[in-house]
N, C-alpha and C. Protein backbone atom coordinates (compact mmCIF):
# COMPACT_ATOMS: atom_id res chain seq x y z
N MET A 1 43.13 49.18 132.32
CA MET A 1 42.50 48.29 132.89
C MET A 1 41.92 48.91 134.24
N LYS A 2 42.99 49.46 134.97
CA LYS A 2 42.84 50.24 136.29
C LYS A 2 41.55 50.67 136.49
N TYR A 3 41.36 51.52 135.45
CA TYR A 3 40.00 52.28 135.52
C TYR A 3 38.95 51.80 134.86
N GLY A 4 38.56 50.70 134.10
CA GLY A 4 38.02 50.10 133.79
C GLY A 4 36.63 49.68 134.60
N SER A 5 35.39 49.14 133.77
CA SER A 5 34.05 49.38 134.71
C SER A 5 33.35 47.83 134.01
N VAL A 6 32.53 47.41 135.13
CA VAL A 6 31.62 46.31 134.50
C VAL A 6 30.17 46.66 134.96
N ALA A 7 29.45 45.60 134.08
CA ALA A 7 28.11 46.01 134.31
C ALA A 7 27.21 45.06 135.59
N ILE A 8 28.21 44.13 136.06
CA ILE A 8 27.75 43.05 137.06
C ILE A 8 27.80 43.77 138.17
N SER A 9 26.91 43.93 139.20
CA SER A 9 26.90 44.14 140.62
C SER A 9 27.50 43.14 141.30
N VAL A 10 28.91 43.39 142.44
CA VAL A 10 29.08 42.40 143.21
C VAL A 10 28.99 43.31 145.02
N ALA A 11 29.44 42.16 145.55
CA ALA A 11 28.91 42.98 147.07
C ALA A 11 30.51 43.26 147.26
N VAL A 12 30.85 43.77 148.35
CA VAL A 12 32.25 44.45 148.70
C VAL A 12 32.18 43.85 150.02
N TRP A 13 33.32 43.27 150.62
CA TRP A 13 33.89 42.87 151.43
C TRP A 13 35.12 43.34 151.78
N LEU A 14 35.13 43.63 153.42
CA LEU A 14 36.30 44.47 153.81
C LEU A 14 36.84 43.91 155.32
N PHE A 15 37.67 43.23 155.32
CA PHE A 15 38.10 42.79 156.46
C PHE A 15 39.67 43.57 156.93
N SER A 16 39.95 43.17 158.17
CA SER A 16 41.33 43.74 159.06
C SER A 16 42.36 42.16 159.04
N ALA A 17 43.64 42.61 158.99
CA ALA A 17 45.04 41.33 158.37
C ALA A 17 45.14 41.49 160.04
N ALA A 18 45.79 40.82 160.53
CA ALA A 18 46.74 40.51 161.65
C ALA A 18 48.23 40.66 161.03
N ALA A 19 49.31 40.77 161.74
CA ALA A 19 50.55 41.16 161.07
C ALA A 19 50.85 39.92 160.87
N PHE A 20 52.14 39.52 159.75
CA PHE A 20 52.86 38.41 160.02
C PHE A 20 54.24 38.60 160.52
N PRO A 21 55.00 38.03 161.30
CA PRO A 21 56.26 37.87 161.90
C PRO A 21 57.03 39.04 161.36
N VAL A 22 57.95 39.66 162.18
CA VAL A 22 58.58 40.51 161.37
C VAL A 22 59.34 40.27 160.20
N ALA A 23 59.92 39.33 160.36
CA ALA A 23 60.79 38.76 159.06
C ALA A 23 60.08 38.63 157.76
N ALA A 24 59.00 38.36 157.63
CA ALA A 24 57.70 38.67 156.62
C ALA A 24 57.52 40.34 156.66
N GLN A 25 57.48 41.59 157.02
CA GLN A 25 57.34 42.51 156.94
C GLN A 25 56.09 42.38 157.02
N GLN A 26 55.53 43.15 155.92
CA GLN A 26 53.86 43.63 155.90
C GLN A 26 53.07 42.31 155.01
N VAL A 27 53.22 41.27 155.24
CA VAL A 27 52.46 40.41 154.63
C VAL A 27 51.59 39.71 155.91
N ALA A 28 50.40 39.83 155.18
CA ALA A 28 48.86 39.56 156.13
C ALA A 28 48.82 38.31 156.19
N ILE A 29 48.63 37.76 157.37
CA ILE A 29 48.00 36.25 157.06
C ILE A 29 46.42 35.91 157.60
N VAL A 30 46.07 35.09 157.39
CA VAL A 30 44.30 34.32 157.56
C VAL A 30 44.03 34.61 159.07
N SER A 31 42.91 35.07 159.85
CA SER A 31 42.44 35.24 160.49
C SER A 31 41.06 34.34 160.39
N PRO A 32 40.04 33.94 162.00
CA PRO A 32 39.08 33.33 161.65
C PRO A 32 37.95 33.82 161.18
N ALA A 33 38.31 35.12 160.68
CA ALA A 33 36.62 36.38 160.57
C ALA A 33 36.73 36.63 158.75
N THR A 34 37.65 35.95 158.33
CA THR A 34 37.84 35.82 156.57
C THR A 34 36.66 34.95 156.02
N ARG A 35 36.33 35.38 155.04
CA ARG A 35 35.01 34.87 154.12
C ARG A 35 35.48 33.55 153.74
N ALA A 36 36.13 33.15 153.64
CA ALA A 36 37.07 31.90 152.58
C ALA A 36 37.95 31.24 153.32
N PRO A 37 38.23 29.64 152.86
CA PRO A 37 39.68 29.50 153.26
C PRO A 37 40.64 30.37 152.36
N GLU A 38 42.01 29.95 152.81
CA GLU A 38 42.78 30.56 152.33
C GLU A 38 43.44 30.19 150.88
N PHE A 39 42.98 29.29 150.16
CA PHE A 39 43.26 28.76 149.32
C PHE A 39 41.86 28.62 148.01
N MET A 40 42.50 29.70 147.33
CA MET A 40 41.50 29.85 146.04
C MET A 40 40.66 28.16 145.22
N ARG A 41 39.61 28.47 145.30
CA ARG A 41 39.00 27.24 144.88
C ARG A 41 38.58 27.35 143.23
N VAL A 42 38.80 26.53 142.31
CA VAL A 42 38.78 26.79 140.85
C VAL A 42 37.70 26.09 140.12
N TYR A 43 36.60 26.77 139.69
CA TYR A 43 35.14 26.16 139.06
C TYR A 43 35.44 25.73 137.78
N GLY A 44 36.33 25.52 137.30
CA GLY A 44 36.10 24.88 135.77
C GLY A 44 37.44 25.86 135.29
N SER A 45 37.23 25.75 133.42
CA SER A 45 38.12 26.63 132.68
C SER A 45 37.48 28.15 132.50
N SER A 46 38.33 28.67 131.51
CA SER A 46 38.07 30.10 131.00
C SER A 46 38.85 30.58 129.94
N GLN A 47 38.30 31.32 129.24
CA GLN A 47 39.03 31.77 128.07
C GLN A 47 40.15 33.02 128.75
N PRO A 48 41.49 33.22 128.03
CA PRO A 48 42.25 33.87 128.28
C PRO A 48 41.96 35.53 127.94
N PRO A 49 42.27 36.45 128.72
CA PRO A 49 42.15 37.78 128.38
C PRO A 49 43.21 38.22 126.86
N TYR A 50 41.99 38.46 126.24
CA TYR A 50 43.14 38.66 124.81
C TYR A 50 44.08 39.51 124.73
N GLY A 51 44.28 40.51 125.86
CA GLY A 51 45.74 41.05 125.90
C GLY A 51 46.86 40.26 126.62
N PHE A 52 46.62 39.23 127.04
CA PHE A 52 47.54 37.87 127.61
C PHE A 52 48.06 37.61 126.77
N VAL A 53 46.88 37.20 125.52
CA VAL A 53 47.33 36.24 124.61
C VAL A 53 48.31 37.22 123.77
N ALA A 54 48.38 38.48 123.41
CA ALA A 54 49.07 39.41 122.46
C ALA A 54 50.30 39.46 123.31
N PHE A 55 50.40 39.69 124.51
CA PHE A 55 51.70 39.41 125.49
C PHE A 55 52.41 38.35 125.25
N CYS A 56 51.98 36.96 125.49
CA CYS A 56 52.51 35.81 125.09
C CYS A 56 53.17 35.86 123.51
N GLU A 57 52.47 36.42 122.45
CA GLU A 57 52.86 35.84 120.97
C GLU A 57 54.05 37.06 121.15
N ARG A 58 54.24 38.39 121.93
CA ARG A 58 55.58 39.19 121.54
C ARG A 58 56.24 38.97 122.42
N MET A 59 56.11 38.04 123.98
CA MET A 59 57.18 37.49 124.73
C MET A 59 57.09 35.92 125.00
N PRO A 60 57.36 35.36 124.51
CA PRO A 60 56.85 33.96 124.35
C PRO A 60 57.31 33.13 126.03
N GLN A 61 58.95 34.07 126.35
CA GLN A 61 59.41 33.71 127.05
C GLN A 61 59.05 33.70 128.29
N GLU A 62 57.99 34.46 128.47
CA GLU A 62 57.47 35.09 129.64
C GLU A 62 56.18 33.82 129.61
N CYS A 63 55.68 33.09 129.11
CA CYS A 63 54.36 32.64 129.03
C CYS A 63 54.77 30.76 129.08
N ILE A 64 56.28 30.40 129.46
CA ILE A 64 56.42 29.06 129.42
C ILE A 64 56.59 28.46 130.75
N VAL A 65 56.22 27.37 131.11
CA VAL A 65 56.53 26.70 132.41
C VAL A 65 57.86 26.25 132.68
N THR A 66 57.98 27.11 133.59
CA THR A 66 59.56 27.02 134.60
C THR A 66 60.11 26.10 135.55
N SER A 67 59.31 25.10 136.25
CA SER A 67 59.42 23.92 136.55
C SER A 67 58.33 22.83 136.53
N SER A 68 58.59 21.79 136.62
CA SER A 68 57.69 20.53 136.25
C SER A 68 56.90 20.24 137.77
N ASP A 69 57.32 21.14 138.70
CA ASP A 69 56.77 20.48 140.18
C ASP A 69 55.98 21.71 140.16
N ASP A 70 54.31 20.96 140.47
CA ASP A 70 53.04 21.86 140.61
C ASP A 70 52.87 22.19 142.13
N SER A 71 53.52 22.12 143.21
CA SER A 71 53.36 22.07 144.24
C SER A 71 53.45 23.50 144.62
N ARG A 72 53.12 23.78 146.02
CA ARG A 72 52.91 25.58 146.27
C ARG A 72 54.42 25.86 146.87
N PHE A 73 54.71 26.97 146.82
CA PHE A 73 56.13 27.49 147.64
C PHE A 73 55.73 27.65 149.11
N GLN A 74 56.94 26.75 149.62
CA GLN A 74 57.18 27.34 150.69
C GLN A 74 57.17 28.42 151.21
N ALA A 75 56.04 28.75 152.36
CA ALA A 75 56.04 29.91 152.78
C ALA A 75 56.91 30.08 154.09
N THR A 76 58.07 30.32 153.57
CA THR A 76 59.29 30.72 154.84
C THR A 76 58.85 32.13 154.90
N PRO A 77 59.60 32.65 155.86
CA PRO A 77 59.94 34.01 156.32
C PRO A 77 60.76 35.09 155.21
N GLN A 78 61.86 33.96 154.97
CA GLN A 78 62.34 34.91 153.48
C GLN A 78 61.54 34.89 152.16
N ALA A 79 60.66 33.89 152.00
CA ALA A 79 60.24 33.83 150.67
C ALA A 79 58.60 34.85 151.17
N LEU A 80 58.13 34.97 152.25
CA LEU A 80 57.43 36.22 152.48
C LEU A 80 57.42 37.37 152.19
N SER A 81 59.18 37.43 152.66
CA SER A 81 59.70 38.85 152.90
C SER A 81 60.02 38.98 151.54
N GLU A 82 60.54 38.21 150.10
CA GLU A 82 60.46 38.74 148.79
C GLU A 82 58.96 39.21 148.49
N LEU A 83 57.99 38.61 148.57
CA LEU A 83 56.79 39.12 148.01
C LEU A 83 56.57 40.59 148.62
N ASP A 84 56.83 40.78 149.91
CA ASP A 84 56.59 41.75 150.22
C ASP A 84 57.80 43.48 149.44
N GLU A 85 58.96 42.69 149.49
CA GLU A 85 59.89 43.62 148.60
C GLU A 85 59.43 43.96 147.20
N ILE A 86 59.25 42.99 146.76
CA ILE A 86 58.82 42.55 145.17
C ILE A 86 57.74 43.67 145.17
N ASN A 87 56.79 43.65 145.63
CA ASN A 87 55.41 44.46 145.36
C ASN A 87 55.60 45.70 145.69
N ARG A 88 56.19 46.16 147.03
CA ARG A 88 56.45 47.21 147.29
C ARG A 88 57.73 48.46 146.17
N SER A 89 58.53 47.34 146.34
CA SER A 89 59.56 47.98 144.99
C SER A 89 59.01 48.30 143.75
N VAL A 90 58.14 47.44 142.86
CA VAL A 90 57.51 47.54 141.47
C VAL A 90 56.29 48.82 141.85
N ASN A 91 55.42 48.58 143.08
CA ASN A 91 54.22 49.81 143.13
C ASN A 91 55.08 51.15 143.04
N HIS A 92 55.87 51.33 143.74
CA HIS A 92 56.97 52.35 144.20
C HIS A 92 57.62 53.06 142.58
N GLU A 93 58.43 51.96 141.83
CA GLU A 93 58.81 52.60 140.72
C GLU A 93 58.18 52.94 139.52
N ILE A 94 57.04 52.08 139.37
CA ILE A 94 56.28 51.95 138.30
C ILE A 94 55.11 53.21 138.69
N GLU A 95 55.36 54.03 137.42
CA GLU A 95 54.08 55.38 137.58
C GLU A 95 52.92 54.77 136.75
N PRO A 96 51.64 54.84 137.69
CA PRO A 96 50.17 54.31 137.01
C PRO A 96 50.26 55.19 135.95
N ALA A 97 49.69 54.77 134.91
CA ALA A 97 49.05 55.01 133.72
C ALA A 97 48.45 54.15 132.98
N THR A 98 47.44 54.36 131.74
CA THR A 98 46.23 53.61 130.92
C THR A 98 46.89 53.25 129.92
N ASP A 99 46.51 52.04 129.59
CA ASP A 99 46.94 51.77 128.13
C ASP A 99 46.99 52.40 127.14
N MET A 100 46.13 53.83 126.97
CA MET A 100 45.51 54.75 126.14
C MET A 100 46.56 55.60 126.03
N GLU A 101 47.31 56.12 127.78
CA GLU A 101 47.89 56.87 128.01
C GLU A 101 49.33 56.89 127.27
N VAL A 102 49.87 55.40 127.54
CA VAL A 102 51.01 55.05 127.58
C VAL A 102 51.49 54.50 125.77
N TYR A 103 50.33 53.67 125.35
CA TYR A 103 50.71 53.23 123.96
C TYR A 103 49.18 53.17 123.35
N GLY A 104 48.45 54.21 123.41
CA GLY A 104 47.70 54.65 122.38
C GLY A 104 46.65 53.70 122.11
N VAL A 105 46.57 52.70 123.08
CA VAL A 105 45.44 51.46 122.78
C VAL A 105 44.82 51.39 123.86
N ALA A 106 43.71 50.46 123.83
CA ALA A 106 43.10 50.52 124.66
C ALA A 106 42.85 49.36 125.89
N GLU A 107 43.90 48.33 125.29
CA GLU A 107 44.53 47.33 126.28
C GLU A 107 45.88 46.60 125.41
N TYR A 108 46.82 46.63 126.48
CA TYR A 108 48.14 46.27 126.15
C TYR A 108 48.80 45.67 127.11
N TRP A 109 49.42 44.70 127.18
CA TRP A 109 49.59 43.88 128.27
C TRP A 109 51.20 43.73 128.35
N THR A 110 52.04 43.98 128.89
CA THR A 110 53.56 44.03 129.04
C THR A 110 54.21 44.30 130.08
N ILE A 111 55.98 44.17 129.99
CA ILE A 111 56.69 44.44 131.29
C ILE A 111 57.09 45.82 131.29
N PRO A 112 56.35 46.53 132.13
CA PRO A 112 56.56 48.17 132.10
C PRO A 112 58.05 48.45 132.59
N LYS A 113 58.46 49.53 132.16
CA LYS A 113 59.90 50.19 132.43
C LYS A 113 59.68 51.36 133.44
N THR A 114 58.65 52.06 133.16
CA THR A 114 58.57 53.51 133.91
C THR A 114 57.07 53.45 134.40
N ARG A 115 56.13 53.32 132.97
CA ARG A 115 54.44 53.84 133.42
C ARG A 115 54.06 52.19 133.14
N GLY A 116 52.60 51.99 133.63
CA GLY A 116 52.13 50.84 133.58
C GLY A 116 50.79 50.99 134.16
N ASP A 117 49.54 50.17 133.75
CA ASP A 117 48.44 50.10 134.31
C ASP A 117 48.84 48.65 134.74
N CYS A 118 47.53 47.93 136.04
CA CYS A 118 47.65 46.91 137.01
C CYS A 118 48.30 45.73 136.45
N GLU A 119 47.82 45.35 135.08
CA GLU A 119 48.65 44.04 134.99
C GLU A 119 49.82 44.33 134.73
N ASP A 120 50.41 45.71 133.72
CA ASP A 120 51.93 45.50 133.71
C ASP A 120 52.34 45.66 135.33
N TYR A 121 52.06 46.24 136.34
CA TYR A 121 52.52 46.02 137.37
C TYR A 121 52.42 44.49 138.00
N ALA A 122 51.55 43.67 137.50
CA ALA A 122 51.54 42.30 138.15
C ALA A 122 52.62 41.19 137.04
N LEU A 123 52.86 41.63 136.01
CA LEU A 123 53.53 41.00 135.16
C LEU A 123 55.16 41.29 135.67
N LEU A 124 55.25 42.85 135.81
CA LEU A 124 56.87 42.77 136.27
C LEU A 124 56.77 42.22 137.37
N LYS A 125 56.59 42.13 138.43
CA LYS A 125 56.61 41.34 139.64
C LYS A 125 57.00 39.83 139.32
N ARG A 126 55.94 39.29 138.89
CA ARG A 126 55.78 37.87 138.45
C ARG A 126 57.19 37.79 137.86
N HIS A 127 57.61 38.51 136.41
CA HIS A 127 59.09 38.44 135.94
C HIS A 127 60.16 38.60 136.95
N ARG A 128 60.24 39.35 138.25
CA ARG A 128 61.30 39.37 138.88
C ARG A 128 61.28 38.45 139.87
N LEU A 129 60.18 37.81 140.29
CA LEU A 129 60.01 36.66 141.34
C LEU A 129 60.61 35.65 140.83
N ILE A 130 60.14 35.20 139.36
CA ILE A 130 60.83 33.97 138.57
C ILE A 130 62.51 34.02 138.25
N SER A 131 62.61 35.03 138.09
CA SER A 131 63.91 35.62 137.83
C SER A 131 65.12 35.16 139.36
N ARG A 132 64.05 35.16 140.46
CA ARG A 132 64.71 34.84 141.86
C ARG A 132 64.47 33.47 142.08
N GLY A 133 63.68 32.68 141.12
CA GLY A 133 64.03 31.11 141.52
C GLY A 133 62.43 30.55 141.61
N TRP A 134 61.58 31.39 141.86
CA TRP A 134 60.30 30.98 141.82
C TRP A 134 59.82 30.26 140.67
N PRO A 135 58.66 29.30 141.09
CA PRO A 135 58.62 28.61 139.77
C PRO A 135 57.32 29.35 138.88
N SER A 136 56.99 29.34 137.71
CA SER A 136 55.93 29.79 136.98
C SER A 136 54.23 29.53 137.63
N GLY A 137 54.76 28.11 138.37
CA GLY A 137 53.13 27.69 138.85
C GLY A 137 52.57 28.58 139.93
N VAL A 138 53.34 28.62 140.44
CA VAL A 138 52.99 29.40 141.84
C VAL A 138 52.82 30.72 141.58
N LEU A 139 52.83 31.47 140.21
CA LEU A 139 52.77 33.03 140.13
C LEU A 139 52.11 33.03 139.35
N LEU A 140 51.00 33.86 139.52
CA LEU A 140 49.23 33.68 138.94
C LEU A 140 49.11 34.65 138.67
N MET A 141 48.81 35.34 137.08
CA MET A 141 47.87 36.76 136.67
C MET A 141 46.60 36.34 137.23
N THR A 142 45.99 37.14 137.84
CA THR A 142 44.66 36.95 138.35
C THR A 142 43.86 38.30 138.06
N VAL A 143 42.57 38.03 137.71
CA VAL A 143 41.37 39.04 136.81
C VAL A 143 40.60 39.20 138.65
N VAL A 144 40.30 39.96 138.66
CA VAL A 144 39.21 40.82 139.74
C VAL A 144 38.00 41.37 139.48
N ARG A 145 37.32 41.66 139.79
CA ARG A 145 36.72 43.05 140.08
C ARG A 145 36.82 43.62 141.55
N ASP A 146 37.10 44.73 141.07
CA ASP A 146 37.46 45.66 142.73
C ASP A 146 36.28 46.19 143.23
N GLU A 147 36.78 46.96 144.28
CA GLU A 147 35.64 47.37 145.61
C GLU A 147 34.93 48.36 144.71
N LYS A 148 34.98 48.80 143.42
CA LYS A 148 34.51 49.86 143.15
C LYS A 148 33.77 49.20 141.18
N ASN A 149 33.93 47.70 141.71
CA ASN A 149 33.09 46.93 140.72
C ASN A 149 33.74 47.02 139.00
N GLU A 150 35.27 47.64 139.12
CA GLU A 150 35.82 47.48 138.05
C GLU A 150 36.67 46.40 137.71
N GLY A 151 36.89 46.37 136.30
CA GLY A 151 38.56 45.17 136.15
C GLY A 151 39.39 45.76 136.61
N HIS A 152 40.22 44.62 136.75
CA HIS A 152 41.84 44.79 137.94
C HIS A 152 42.23 43.53 137.47
N ALA A 153 43.46 43.91 137.39
CA ALA A 153 44.71 42.46 137.35
C ALA A 153 45.53 42.47 138.85
N VAL A 154 45.82 41.46 138.96
CA VAL A 154 46.52 41.54 140.36
C VAL A 154 47.75 40.25 140.08
N LEU A 155 48.56 39.79 140.91
CA LEU A 155 49.08 38.88 140.96
C LEU A 155 48.66 37.97 142.13
N THR A 156 48.47 36.43 142.04
CA THR A 156 48.74 35.57 142.81
C THR A 156 50.01 34.83 143.41
N ALA A 157 50.31 34.78 144.48
CA ALA A 157 51.72 33.56 144.92
C ALA A 157 50.75 32.36 145.74
N ARG A 158 50.63 31.30 145.19
CA ARG A 158 50.48 30.61 145.46
C ARG A 158 51.71 29.69 146.48
N THR A 159 51.28 29.78 148.23
CA THR A 159 52.03 29.31 148.90
C THR A 159 51.50 28.41 149.81
N THR A 160 52.24 27.54 150.80
CA THR A 160 51.88 26.59 151.74
C THR A 160 51.02 27.20 153.00
N GLN A 161 51.20 28.78 153.21
CA GLN A 161 50.48 29.23 153.84
C GLN A 161 49.12 29.92 153.50
N GLY A 162 48.78 29.91 152.35
CA GLY A 162 47.63 30.56 150.97
C GLY A 162 47.95 30.93 149.67
N ASP A 163 46.87 31.92 149.49
CA ASP A 163 46.97 32.35 147.96
C ASP A 163 47.32 34.04 148.69
N PHE A 164 48.45 34.41 148.25
CA PHE A 164 48.87 35.83 148.44
C PHE A 164 48.63 36.30 147.38
N ILE A 165 48.01 38.00 147.38
CA ILE A 165 47.61 38.81 146.17
C ILE A 165 49.11 39.83 146.41
N LEU A 166 49.69 39.86 145.63
CA LEU A 166 50.51 41.07 144.96
C LEU A 166 49.65 42.29 144.25
N ASP A 167 49.28 43.85 144.78
CA ASP A 167 48.84 44.12 144.50
C ASP A 167 49.10 46.08 144.32
N ASN A 168 48.94 46.58 142.91
CA ASN A 168 49.37 47.51 142.66
C ASN A 168 48.53 49.02 143.63
N LYS A 169 47.54 48.26 144.30
CA LYS A 169 46.72 49.81 144.93
C LYS A 169 47.44 49.57 146.30
N VAL A 170 47.75 48.54 146.82
CA VAL A 170 48.29 48.62 148.03
C VAL A 170 49.73 47.89 148.49
N ASP A 171 50.74 48.57 149.19
CA ASP A 171 51.88 47.92 149.36
C ASP A 171 51.85 46.53 150.19
N VAL A 172 51.15 46.28 151.03
CA VAL A 172 51.00 45.29 151.80
C VAL A 172 50.27 43.81 151.03
N VAL A 173 50.81 42.79 151.24
CA VAL A 173 50.79 41.64 150.18
C VAL A 173 49.31 40.93 151.17
N ARG A 174 48.18 40.73 150.42
CA ARG A 174 47.29 40.15 151.75
C ARG A 174 46.95 38.43 151.24
N LEU A 175 46.08 37.75 151.83
CA LEU A 175 45.42 36.91 151.42
C LEU A 175 44.46 37.20 150.69
N TRP A 176 44.46 36.23 149.97
CA TRP A 176 43.30 36.60 148.75
C TRP A 176 42.06 36.93 149.17
N ASN A 177 41.35 36.14 150.52
CA ASN A 177 40.45 36.17 151.32
C ASN A 177 39.88 37.38 152.29
N GLN A 178 41.21 38.36 152.21
CA GLN A 178 41.31 39.33 153.16
C GLN A 178 41.55 40.71 152.11
N THR A 179 40.91 40.31 150.86
CA THR A 179 41.03 41.75 149.80
C THR A 179 39.54 41.69 150.03
N PRO A 180 39.28 43.36 149.58
CA PRO A 180 37.77 43.63 148.93
C PRO A 180 37.26 42.99 147.44
N TYR A 181 37.95 42.25 146.85
CA TYR A 181 37.57 42.03 145.43
C TYR A 181 36.88 40.51 145.37
N HIS A 182 36.59 40.82 144.30
CA HIS A 182 35.55 39.48 143.52
C HIS A 182 36.22 38.94 142.48
N TYR A 183 36.73 37.40 142.81
CA TYR A 183 37.46 36.60 142.06
C TYR A 183 37.18 36.22 141.00
N VAL A 184 37.63 36.77 139.42
CA VAL A 184 36.89 36.23 138.36
C VAL A 184 37.35 35.23 137.71
N MET A 185 38.87 35.33 137.47
CA MET A 185 39.88 34.22 137.00
C MET A 185 41.06 34.35 136.69
N ARG A 186 42.07 33.46 136.53
CA ARG A 186 43.42 33.24 136.85
C ARG A 186 44.10 32.16 135.93
N GLN A 187 45.44 32.60 136.00
CA GLN A 187 46.03 31.35 135.02
C GLN A 187 46.19 30.07 135.73
N SER A 188 46.27 29.01 135.35
CA SER A 188 46.21 27.56 135.38
C SER A 188 47.43 27.52 136.32
N TYR A 189 48.16 26.83 137.36
CA TYR A 189 49.20 26.73 137.99
C TYR A 189 50.25 25.41 137.17
N MET A 190 49.27 24.62 136.49
CA MET A 190 49.48 23.24 135.28
C MET A 190 50.36 24.31 134.31
N ASP A 191 49.38 25.27 133.42
CA ASP A 191 50.21 25.66 132.30
C ASP A 191 50.16 27.34 132.32
N PRO A 192 50.69 28.26 132.34
CA PRO A 192 50.79 29.83 132.16
C PRO A 192 49.87 30.13 131.16
N LYS A 193 49.66 29.38 130.02
CA LYS A 193 48.91 29.81 128.89
C LYS A 193 47.28 29.37 129.03
N VAL A 194 46.97 28.46 130.44
CA VAL A 194 45.50 27.99 130.39
C VAL A 194 44.97 29.00 131.30
N TRP A 195 43.77 29.36 131.08
CA TRP A 195 43.14 29.94 132.43
C TRP A 195 41.84 29.19 133.27
N VAL A 196 41.68 29.75 134.33
CA VAL A 196 40.45 28.70 134.93
C VAL A 196 39.87 30.26 135.79
N SER A 197 38.46 29.74 135.78
CA SER A 197 37.30 30.38 136.40
C SER A 197 37.60 30.32 137.82
N LEU A 198 36.94 31.15 138.79
CA LEU A 198 37.04 31.35 140.05
C LEU A 198 35.89 31.63 140.47
N ASP A 199 35.38 31.99 139.71
CA ASP A 199 33.32 32.42 139.90
C ASP A 199 32.76 31.36 139.84
N PRO A 200 32.04 31.16 141.01
CA PRO A 200 31.18 29.82 140.29
C PRO A 200 29.40 30.43 140.13
N ASN A 201 29.60 31.59 140.09
CA ASN A 201 28.24 32.11 139.27
C ASN A 201 28.22 32.08 138.01
N ASP A 202 29.48 32.36 137.07
CA ASP A 202 29.92 32.13 135.67
C ASP A 202 30.66 31.45 135.14
N ALA A 203 29.67 30.94 133.91
CA ALA A 203 29.80 29.50 133.61
C ALA A 203 31.10 29.88 132.42
N SER A 204 30.97 31.38 132.29
CA SER A 204 32.02 31.35 130.83
C SER A 204 32.64 33.06 131.67
N THR A 205 33.33 33.62 131.15
CA THR A 205 34.64 34.80 131.65
C THR A 205 33.39 36.05 131.07
N PRO A 206 32.76 36.87 132.03
CA PRO A 206 31.47 37.99 131.05
C PRO A 206 32.48 38.64 130.23
N ALA A 207 31.85 39.27 128.96
CA ALA A 207 32.57 39.76 127.74
C ALA A 207 32.31 41.03 128.19
N ALA A 208 31.83 41.51 129.20
CA ALA A 208 31.55 43.29 129.84
C ALA A 208 32.54 43.41 130.35
N LEU A 209 33.40 42.73 131.16
CA LEU A 209 34.60 42.82 131.99
C LEU A 209 35.73 44.17 130.98
N SER A 210 35.79 45.16 131.57
CA SER A 210 36.42 46.09 130.72
C SER A 210 37.80 45.65 130.61
N GLY A 211 38.43 45.40 129.89
CA GLY A 211 40.02 45.67 129.50
C GLY A 211 40.51 44.23 129.78
N VAL A 212 39.44 42.88 130.05
CA VAL A 212 39.98 42.01 129.76
C VAL A 212 38.82 40.85 129.26
N GLN A 213 38.56 41.71 127.72
CA GLN A 213 37.67 41.20 127.01
C GLN A 213 38.55 39.48 126.70
N SER A 214 37.94 37.87 126.55
CA SER A 214 38.45 36.96 126.45
C SER A 214 38.39 36.54 124.97
N VAL A 215 39.32 35.46 124.70
CA VAL A 215 39.60 34.91 123.35
C VAL A 215 39.33 33.04 123.32
N ASP A 216 39.00 32.77 122.40
CA ASP A 216 39.19 31.29 122.37
C ASP A 216 40.90 30.84 122.07
N PRO A 217 41.08 30.06 123.82
CA PRO A 217 42.23 29.94 123.74
C PRO A 217 42.74 28.88 122.71
N SER A 218 42.03 28.53 121.68
CA SER A 218 42.65 27.49 120.57
C SER A 218 44.00 28.72 119.48
N ILE A 219 43.69 30.02 119.49
CA ILE A 219 44.56 30.85 119.13
C ILE A 219 45.72 30.41 119.68
N PHE A 220 46.66 30.09 120.82
CA PHE A 220 47.82 29.90 120.86
C PHE A 220 48.17 28.81 120.11
N ASP A 221 47.25 28.11 119.42
CA ASP A 221 47.69 26.86 118.66
C ASP A 221 48.40 27.54 117.00
N ALA A 222 47.78 29.01 116.98
CA ALA A 222 48.18 29.30 115.44
C ALA A 222 49.43 30.19 115.77
N LEU A 223 50.38 30.74 117.22
CA LEU A 223 50.48 31.50 117.51
C LEU A 223 52.50 31.40 116.58
N PRO A 224 52.98 32.06 116.22
CA PRO A 224 54.34 31.18 115.49
C PRO A 224 55.02 31.35 116.54
N ASN A 225 56.30 30.37 116.74
CA ASN A 225 57.03 30.24 117.49
C ASN A 225 56.93 29.92 119.05
N PHE A 226 55.53 29.59 118.98
CA PHE A 226 54.94 29.65 120.71
C PHE A 226 55.57 28.39 121.25
N PRO A 227 56.11 28.29 122.37
CA PRO A 227 57.22 27.11 123.28
C PRO A 227 55.70 26.47 123.60
């Protein structure tokens, strides 16, 4: 998915980010010049990526609600430092490789051990933050079109300071509106198995988005032993 492509053209936006206090290390904060509020807006429901559905079937424990509290995570210096630490450590620990190179298939979402592509990086970051006490509702898998108009996956962290992006392309954790991406869809904070649209111009997820072909969410009803 890291090197996928899409046929739909999008504008590329680039912004510089101010540094957060030292305790938060390389976590960027919003500035008046950004293109949108620091909190993402949802535009309706979306079908989940097929790779995600298969991942939940194999690893159902990764797709459950870990907290009934739907509030945003408090953006304390310690919390933002954790985001920075996890983003950097996973980025340097995992070697980039396509699913075809590792598994011999076009799309395979999983928690990587040594190699993986963009969604694998994001899944590992999510897993490690949850193990540190972050609730699943604030750590959302997110699909974007990157600066090359290619399909890409990142992890969104919903905090009181804004929606921060953990990205395998860069070590700095940035607010979503300070990235050069066009946001397509992400997990719902209410239910990890549900996905929502982030694109006001798309009534549904475009099937042409490489690596994130969507499926009917009713498929979850047929998954064996799915919590």
